Amino acid sequence: MSTLTATHTVLGTTSLDRMLLRAASGIDRLVAARIVRRVDAIDAARAWERADDARRRAQALGALGMLPR
């Protein structure tokens, strides 16, 4: 769900950067799975749409250098 593909290699990434990206993608999968499990009256497609919207907002904030609380 949060896989990004790059058309070029980015130099200067550290192991900390890679660790943080792996942790963020794991948390993203966990949150999306929990949203889907909580859905009773809402269909699964709507739950995935909400999770995708939340992920996009977080990515936009991350691009600005702002970390979520």
N, C-alpha and C. Protein backbone atom coordinates (compact mmCIF):
# COMPACT_ATOMS: atom_id res chain seq x y z
N MET A 1 0.81 -1.18 0.00
CA MET A 1 0.00 0.00 0.00
C MET A 1 0.86 1.26 0.00
N SER A 2 2.01 1.19 0.61
CA SER A 2 2.85 2.38 0.64
C SER A 2 4.16 2.17 -0.10
N THR A 3 4.15 1.32 -1.09
CA THR A 3 5.35 1.09 -1.87
C THR A 3 5.56 2.22 -2.85
N LEU A 4 6.76 2.76 -2.85
CA LEU A 4 7.11 3.82 -3.77
C LEU A 4 8.24 3.30 -4.65
N THR A 5 8.17 3.57 -5.92
CA THR A 5 9.25 3.16 -6.82
C THR A 5 10.01 4.39 -7.27
N ALA A 6 11.31 4.24 -7.37
CA ALA A 6 12.15 5.36 -7.79
C ALA A 6 12.68 5.08 -9.18
N THR A 7 12.78 6.13 -9.96
CA THR A 7 13.33 5.98 -11.30
C THR A 7 14.85 6.15 -11.29
N HIS A 8 15.40 6.59 -10.18
CA HIS A 8 16.83 6.78 -10.07
C HIS A 8 17.28 6.41 -8.66
N THR A 9 18.57 6.22 -8.49
CA THR A 9 19.11 5.87 -7.19
C THR A 9 19.43 7.14 -6.42
N VAL A 10 19.00 7.16 -5.17
CA VAL A 10 19.28 8.31 -4.32
C VAL A 10 20.50 7.98 -3.48
N LEU A 11 21.52 8.76 -3.63
CA LEU A 11 22.73 8.55 -2.85
C LEU A 11 22.62 9.32 -1.55
N GLY A 12 23.29 8.84 -0.56
CA GLY A 12 23.30 9.54 0.72
C GLY A 12 22.26 9.04 1.70
N THR A 13 21.55 7.97 1.39
CA THR A 13 20.61 7.43 2.36
C THR A 13 21.39 6.63 3.39
N THR A 14 21.01 6.79 4.60
CA THR A 14 21.70 6.11 5.69
C THR A 14 20.89 4.91 6.14
N SER A 15 21.50 4.11 6.96
CA SER A 15 20.77 2.96 7.49
C SER A 15 19.62 3.43 8.37
N LEU A 16 19.76 4.57 9.02
CA LEU A 16 18.67 5.13 9.81
C LEU A 16 17.48 5.49 8.91
N ASP A 17 17.77 6.11 7.77
CA ASP A 17 16.70 6.44 6.81
C ASP A 17 15.96 5.19 6.37
N ARG A 18 16.71 4.16 6.01
CA ARG A 18 16.08 2.92 5.56
C ARG A 18 15.28 2.27 6.69
N MET A 19 15.81 2.31 7.91
CA MET A 19 15.09 1.72 9.04
C MET A 19 13.78 2.47 9.29
N LEU A 20 13.83 3.80 9.22
CA LEU A 20 12.61 4.59 9.44
C LEU A 20 11.58 4.32 8.35
N LEU A 21 12.02 4.18 7.10
CA LEU A 21 11.08 3.87 6.02
C LEU A 21 10.45 2.49 6.19
N ARG A 22 11.25 1.52 6.62
CA ARG A 22 10.70 0.18 6.86
C ARG A 22 9.69 0.21 8.01
N ALA A 23 10.03 0.94 9.08
CA ALA A 23 9.12 1.04 10.22
C ALA A 23 7.82 1.73 9.81
N ALA A 24 7.93 2.79 9.01
CA ALA A 24 6.73 3.51 8.57
C ALA A 24 5.84 2.63 7.70
N SER A 25 6.44 1.83 6.82
CA SER A 25 5.62 0.97 5.97
C SER A 25 4.97 -0.14 6.80
N GLY A 26 5.66 -0.64 7.82
CA GLY A 26 5.07 -1.64 8.70
C GLY A 26 3.90 -1.07 9.49
N ILE A 27 4.07 0.13 9.99
CA ILE A 27 2.97 0.79 10.72
C ILE A 27 1.80 1.05 9.79
N ASP A 28 2.10 1.45 8.56
CA ASP A 28 1.05 1.68 7.56
C ASP A 28 0.24 0.42 7.33
N ARG A 29 0.92 -0.72 7.18
CA ARG A 29 0.20 -1.99 6.98
C ARG A 29 -0.64 -2.33 8.21
N LEU A 30 -0.09 -2.12 9.40
CA LEU A 30 -0.81 -2.41 10.64
C LEU A 30 -2.08 -1.57 10.76
N VAL A 31 -1.95 -0.27 10.50
CA VAL A 31 -3.11 0.63 10.61
C VAL A 31 -4.17 0.26 9.58
N ALA A 32 -3.74 -0.01 8.36
CA ALA A 32 -4.71 -0.38 7.32
C ALA A 32 -5.44 -1.67 7.69
N ALA A 33 -4.71 -2.63 8.23
CA ALA A 33 -5.35 -3.89 8.64
C ALA A 33 -6.33 -3.66 9.78
N ARG A 34 -5.98 -2.81 10.73
CA ARG A 34 -6.90 -2.52 11.84
C ARG A 34 -8.14 -1.80 11.36
N ILE A 35 -7.99 -0.89 10.42
CA ILE A 35 -9.16 -0.18 9.89
C ILE A 35 -10.10 -1.17 9.22
N VAL A 36 -9.54 -2.08 8.44
CA VAL A 36 -10.37 -3.06 7.75
C VAL A 36 -11.07 -3.96 8.76
N ARG A 37 -10.38 -4.37 9.84
CA ARG A 37 -11.00 -5.23 10.84
C ARG A 37 -12.12 -4.52 11.58
N ARG A 38 -11.97 -3.22 11.80
CA ARG A 38 -12.99 -2.47 12.55
C ARG A 38 -14.26 -2.20 11.74
N VAL A 39 -14.15 -2.36 10.46
CA VAL A 39 -15.28 -2.02 9.59
C VAL A 39 -16.41 -3.03 9.80
N ASP A 40 -17.54 -2.53 10.26
CA ASP A 40 -18.73 -3.37 10.37
C ASP A 40 -19.78 -2.87 9.39
N ALA A 41 -20.15 -1.61 9.53
CA ALA A 41 -21.19 -1.05 8.68
C ALA A 41 -20.63 -0.49 7.38
N ILE A 42 -19.33 -0.21 7.37
CA ILE A 42 -18.70 0.37 6.18
C ILE A 42 -18.03 -0.75 5.40
N ASP A 43 -18.15 -0.73 4.10
CA ASP A 43 -17.53 -1.79 3.31
C ASP A 43 -16.00 -1.62 3.27
N ALA A 44 -15.32 -2.67 2.91
CA ALA A 44 -13.86 -2.69 2.94
C ALA A 44 -13.24 -1.67 1.99
N ALA A 45 -13.87 -1.44 0.86
CA ALA A 45 -13.32 -0.48 -0.10
C ALA A 45 -13.26 0.92 0.50
N ARG A 46 -14.27 1.29 1.24
CA ARG A 46 -14.28 2.61 1.90
C ARG A 46 -13.20 2.69 2.96
N ALA A 47 -12.96 1.60 3.67
CA ALA A 47 -11.91 1.58 4.69
C ALA A 47 -10.54 1.75 4.06
N TRP A 48 -10.31 1.06 2.93
CA TRP A 48 -9.02 1.21 2.24
C TRP A 48 -8.86 2.62 1.72
N GLU A 49 -9.96 3.23 1.27
CA GLU A 49 -9.91 4.61 0.77
C GLU A 49 -9.52 5.56 1.90
N ARG A 50 -10.10 5.36 3.08
CA ARG A 50 -9.74 6.19 4.24
C ARG A 50 -8.27 6.02 4.61
N ALA A 51 -7.80 4.78 4.61
CA ALA A 51 -6.40 4.52 4.94
C ALA A 51 -5.48 5.17 3.91
N ASP A 52 -5.88 5.10 2.64
CA ASP A 52 -5.07 5.70 1.58
C ASP A 52 -5.04 7.22 1.72
N ASP A 53 -6.16 7.82 2.06
CA ASP A 53 -6.20 9.27 2.28
C ASP A 53 -5.29 9.67 3.44
N ALA A 54 -5.34 8.91 4.53
CA ALA A 54 -4.49 9.21 5.69
C ALA A 54 -3.02 9.07 5.32
N ARG A 55 -2.69 8.04 4.53
CA ARG A 55 -1.31 7.84 4.11
C ARG A 55 -0.83 8.98 3.24
N ARG A 56 -1.67 9.43 2.33
CA ARG A 56 -1.29 10.54 1.45
C ARG A 56 -1.07 11.83 2.23
N ARG A 57 -1.93 12.09 3.21
CA ARG A 57 -1.74 13.27 4.05
C ARG A 57 -0.42 13.19 4.81
N ALA A 58 -0.11 12.01 5.36
CA ALA A 58 1.14 11.83 6.09
C ALA A 58 2.34 11.99 5.16
N GLN A 59 2.25 11.48 3.93
CA GLN A 59 3.35 11.64 2.98
C GLN A 59 3.54 13.11 2.60
N ALA A 60 2.44 13.83 2.46
CA ALA A 60 2.55 15.25 2.12
C ALA A 60 3.22 16.01 3.24
N LEU A 61 2.85 15.71 4.48
CA LEU A 61 3.50 16.36 5.61
C LEU A 61 4.97 15.96 5.70
N GLY A 62 5.26 14.70 5.43
CA GLY A 62 6.64 14.24 5.46
C GLY A 62 7.49 14.91 4.40
N ALA A 63 6.89 15.18 3.24
CA ALA A 63 7.63 15.87 2.17
C ALA A 63 7.99 17.29 2.59
N LEU A 64 7.19 17.85 3.48
CA LEU A 64 7.48 19.19 3.99
C LEU A 64 8.42 19.16 5.19
N GLY A 65 8.75 17.96 5.64
CA GLY A 65 9.65 17.82 6.79
C GLY A 65 8.93 17.80 8.13
N MET A 66 7.62 17.67 8.11
CA MET A 66 6.84 17.63 9.35
C MET A 66 6.51 16.19 9.70
N LEU A 67 6.85 15.77 10.89
CA LEU A 67 6.53 14.42 11.33
C LEU A 67 5.20 14.42 12.05
N PRO A 68 4.38 13.38 11.85
CA PRO A 68 3.10 13.31 12.57
C PRO A 68 3.33 13.05 14.05
N ARG A 69 2.39 13.45 14.86
CA ARG A 69 2.50 13.21 16.30
C ARG A 69 2.23 11.80 16.63
